[in-house]
Amino acid sequence: MPIRLGFEPMADGTYQNLILHDVSKATIDHDIDVFLKHEFERIKAERRLPPTWPDAKDIQHLVQMAAPLFIFAATVLPLL
């Protein structure tokens, strides 16, 4: 069965086209920051790391290194 049969038509106004190149740097930075913090909390719990790990400056540095490539953040995490 073709996968397209599992989708129904959407009514006008229920979706919005998004051009990723038009997303602001602030939005991208925020999204990467939220993702990293969430993943660091998971790692911290699994490995019983101190509550202060990682330092906020370290997270900010990773955000700056990653932006605008979300895949950078996703690739770095398993290496920690």
Protein backbone atom coordinates (compact mmCIF):
# COMPACT_ATOMS: atom_id res chain seq x y z
CA MET A 1 0.00 0.00 0.00
CA PRO A 2 1.50 3.40 -0.95
CA ILE A 3 2.25 5.64 2.02
CA ARG A 4 0.44 8.56 0.40
CA LEU A 5 -2.86 6.76 1.03
CA GLY A 6 -2.31 7.23 4.76
CA PHE A 7 -2.55 11.01 4.48
CA GLU A 8 -5.68 13.08 4.22
CA PRO A 9 -6.02 16.45 2.51
CA MET A 10 -5.52 19.44 4.80
CA ALA A 11 -7.97 22.31 4.91
CA ASP A 12 -6.69 25.70 3.79
CA GLY A 13 -5.09 27.64 6.63
CA THR A 14 -4.11 24.56 8.68
CA TYR A 15 -0.50 24.69 7.59
CA GLN A 16 2.12 27.28 6.83
CA ASN A 17 5.00 27.01 4.40
CA LEU A 18 8.37 27.58 6.02
CA ILE A 19 11.55 28.45 4.19
CA LEU A 20 14.39 27.43 6.48
CA HIS A 21 16.75 30.01 5.06
CA ASP A 22 14.34 32.71 6.26
CA VAL A 23 14.35 31.58 9.91
CA SER A 24 16.11 34.13 12.11
CA LYS A 25 19.45 33.32 13.74
CA ALA A 26 17.89 34.04 17.14
CA THR A 27 15.24 31.37 16.53
CA ILE A 28 17.82 28.84 15.38
CA ASP A 29 20.07 29.58 18.36
CA HIS A 30 17.12 29.22 20.73
CA ASP A 31 16.06 25.89 19.23
CA ILE A 32 19.59 24.48 19.43
CA ASP A 33 19.93 25.78 23.01
CA VAL A 34 16.69 24.08 24.07
CA PHE A 35 17.73 20.84 22.36
CA LEU A 36 21.19 20.81 23.98
CA LYS A 37 19.85 21.59 27.45
CA HIS A 38 17.26 18.82 27.17
CA GLU A 39 19.85 16.30 26.03
CA PHE A 40 22.35 17.37 28.68
CA GLU A 41 19.71 16.85 31.37
CA ARG A 42 19.17 13.32 30.05
CA ILE A 43 22.92 12.61 29.99
CA LYS A 44 23.33 14.13 33.45
CA ALA A 45 20.65 11.83 34.88
CA GLU A 46 22.02 8.72 33.16
CA ARG A 47 25.59 9.32 34.30
CA ARG A 48 24.83 10.87 37.70
CA LEU A 49 26.80 13.99 36.92
CA PRO A 50 26.88 17.07 39.19
CA PRO A 51 23.89 19.44 38.96
CA THR A 52 26.16 22.21 37.67
CA TRP A 53 27.22 20.17 34.62
CA PRO A 54 27.58 21.46 31.99
CA ASP A 55 28.44 25.08 32.57
CA ALA A 56 26.12 27.61 30.88
CA LYS A 57 29.12 29.07 29.05
CA ASP A 58 29.90 25.65 27.58
CA ILE A 59 26.34 25.28 26.30
CA GLN A 60 26.44 28.75 24.78
CA HIS A 61 29.75 27.93 23.10
CA LEU A 62 28.26 24.78 21.58
CA VAL A 63 25.23 26.74 20.38
CA GLN A 64 27.51 29.23 18.64
CA MET A 65 29.54 26.43 17.07
CA ALA A 66 26.45 24.58 15.88
CA ALA A 67 24.33 27.40 14.47
CA PRO A 68 22.83 27.27 11.93
CA LEU A 69 23.41 23.52 11.57
CA PHE A 70 21.17 21.65 13.98
CA ILE A 71 22.82 18.43 12.81
CA PHE A 72 26.08 19.62 14.37
CA ALA A 73 24.49 19.63 17.83
CA ALA A 74 22.87 16.25 17.25
CA THR A 75 26.18 14.77 16.07
CA VAL A 76 28.30 16.13 18.93
CA LEU A 77 26.13 14.83 21.77
CA PRO A 78 26.87 11.11 21.35
CA LEU A 79 30.57 11.93 21.47
CA LEU A 80 30.34 13.35 24.99
